[in-house]
């Protein structure tokens, strides 16, 4: 999950599909990991799904 956070810090508007492609895993795996990060308070979505961006909470 740390790799996901690094990618999001580098590109705030990156999509789950783009993360999955870069890490060579399935979209579902990334979606599940993002949900875990959101539930733990490490990641927050700002704005809409299409027009928003990710914010990493340190």
C-alpha atoms as a PDB file:
ATOM      1  CA  UNK A   1       0.000   0.000   0.000  1.00  0.00           C
ATOM      2  CA  UNK A   2       2.987   2.299   0.420  1.00  0.00           C
ATOM      3  CA  UNK A   3       3.560   2.168  -3.343  1.00  0.00           C
ATOM      4  CA  UNK A   4       0.013   3.422  -3.863  1.00  0.00           C
ATOM      5  CA  UNK A   5       0.645   6.369  -1.540  1.00  0.00           C
ATOM      6  CA  UNK A   6       3.894   7.227  -3.355  1.00  0.00           C
ATOM      7  CA  UNK A   7       2.128   7.241  -6.736  1.00  0.00           C
ATOM      8  CA  UNK A   8      -0.698   9.374  -5.375  1.00  0.00           C
ATOM      9  CA  UNK A   9       1.764  11.869  -3.858  1.00  0.00           C
ATOM     10  CA  UNK A  10       3.455  12.181  -7.255  1.00  0.00           C
ATOM     11  CA  UNK A  11       0.196  12.474  -9.253  1.00  0.00           C
ATOM     12  CA  UNK A  12      -2.805  13.613  -7.203  1.00  0.00           C
ATOM     13  CA  UNK A  13      -5.283  13.015 -10.023  1.00  0.00           C
ATOM     14  CA  UNK A  14      -4.122   9.478 -10.855  1.00  0.00           C
ATOM     15  CA  UNK A  15      -6.912   6.942 -11.324  1.00  0.00           C
ATOM     16  CA  UNK A  16      -7.181   3.503  -9.759  1.00  0.00           C
ATOM     17  CA  UNK A  17      -6.811   1.986 -13.226  1.00  0.00           C
ATOM     18  CA  UNK A  18      -3.570   3.885 -13.814  1.00  0.00           C
ATOM     19  CA  UNK A  19      -2.210   2.769 -10.436  1.00  0.00           C
ATOM     20  CA  UNK A  20      -3.141  -0.841 -11.211  1.00  0.00           C
ATOM     21  CA  UNK A  21      -1.365  -0.632 -14.566  1.00  0.00           C
ATOM     22  CA  UNK A  22       1.817   0.812 -13.070  1.00  0.00           C
ATOM     23  CA  UNK A  23       1.912  -1.754 -10.252  1.00  0.00           C
ATOM     24  CA  UNK A  24       0.858  -4.682 -12.487  1.00  0.00           C
ATOM     25  CA  UNK A  25      -2.103  -5.698 -10.335  1.00  0.00           C
ATOM     26  CA  UNK A  26      -5.852  -5.800 -10.915  1.00  0.00           C
ATOM     27  CA  UNK A  27      -8.132  -2.770 -10.628  1.00  0.00           C
ATOM     28  CA  UNK A  28     -10.047  -4.545  -7.873  1.00  0.00           C
ATOM     29  CA  UNK A  29      -6.878  -4.972  -5.798  1.00  0.00           C
ATOM     30  CA  UNK A  30      -6.181  -1.234  -6.005  1.00  0.00           C
ATOM     31  CA  UNK A  31      -9.787  -0.338  -5.196  1.00  0.00           C
ATOM     32  CA  UNK A  32      -9.679  -2.605  -2.131  1.00  0.00           C
ATOM     33  CA  UNK A  33      -6.349  -1.125  -0.972  1.00  0.00           C
ATOM     34  CA  UNK A  34      -7.569   2.446  -1.517  1.00  0.00           C
ATOM     35  CA  UNK A  35     -10.643   1.687   0.592  1.00  0.00           C
ATOM     36  CA  UNK A  36      -8.394   0.363   3.387  1.00  0.00           C
ATOM     37  CA  UNK A  37      -6.283   3.529   3.195  1.00  0.00           C
ATOM     38  CA  UNK A  38      -9.411   5.688   3.342  1.00  0.00           C
ATOM     39  CA  UNK A  39     -10.803   3.778   6.329  1.00  0.00           C
ATOM     40  CA  UNK A  40      -7.496   4.128   8.194  1.00  0.00           C
ATOM     41  CA  UNK A  41      -7.498   7.891   7.574  1.00  0.00           C
ATOM     42  CA  UNK A  42      -4.348   7.900   5.429  1.00  0.00           C
ATOM     43  CA  UNK A  43      -6.079   8.906   2.201  1.00  0.00           C
ATOM     44  CA  UNK A  44      -8.892  11.298   1.351  1.00  0.00           C
ATOM     45  CA  UNK A  45     -10.725  12.066  -1.883  1.00  0.00           C
ATOM     46  CA  UNK A  46     -11.312  15.760  -2.539  1.00  0.00           C
ATOM     47  CA  UNK A  47     -14.043  16.582  -5.062  1.00  0.00           C
ATOM     48  CA  UNK A  48     -15.908  14.315  -7.423  1.00  0.00           C
ATOM     49  CA  UNK A  49     -14.800  10.947  -8.772  1.00  0.00           C
ATOM     50  CA  UNK A  50     -14.037  12.359 -12.200  1.00  0.00           C
ATOM     51  CA  UNK A  51     -12.873  15.869 -11.391  1.00  0.00           C
ATOM     52  CA  UNK A  52     -11.406  15.451  -7.937  1.00  0.00           C
ATOM     53  CA  UNK A  53      -8.014  14.463  -6.602  1.00  0.00           C
ATOM     54  CA  UNK A  54      -6.449  12.398  -3.830  1.00  0.00           C
ATOM     55  CA  UNK A  55      -4.939  13.854  -0.686  1.00  0.00           C
ATOM     56  CA  UNK A  56      -2.480  11.813   1.387  1.00  0.00           C
ATOM     57  CA  UNK A  57      -2.874  12.467   5.113  1.00  0.00           C
ATOM     58  CA  UNK A  58       0.485  12.314   6.906  1.00  0.00           C
END
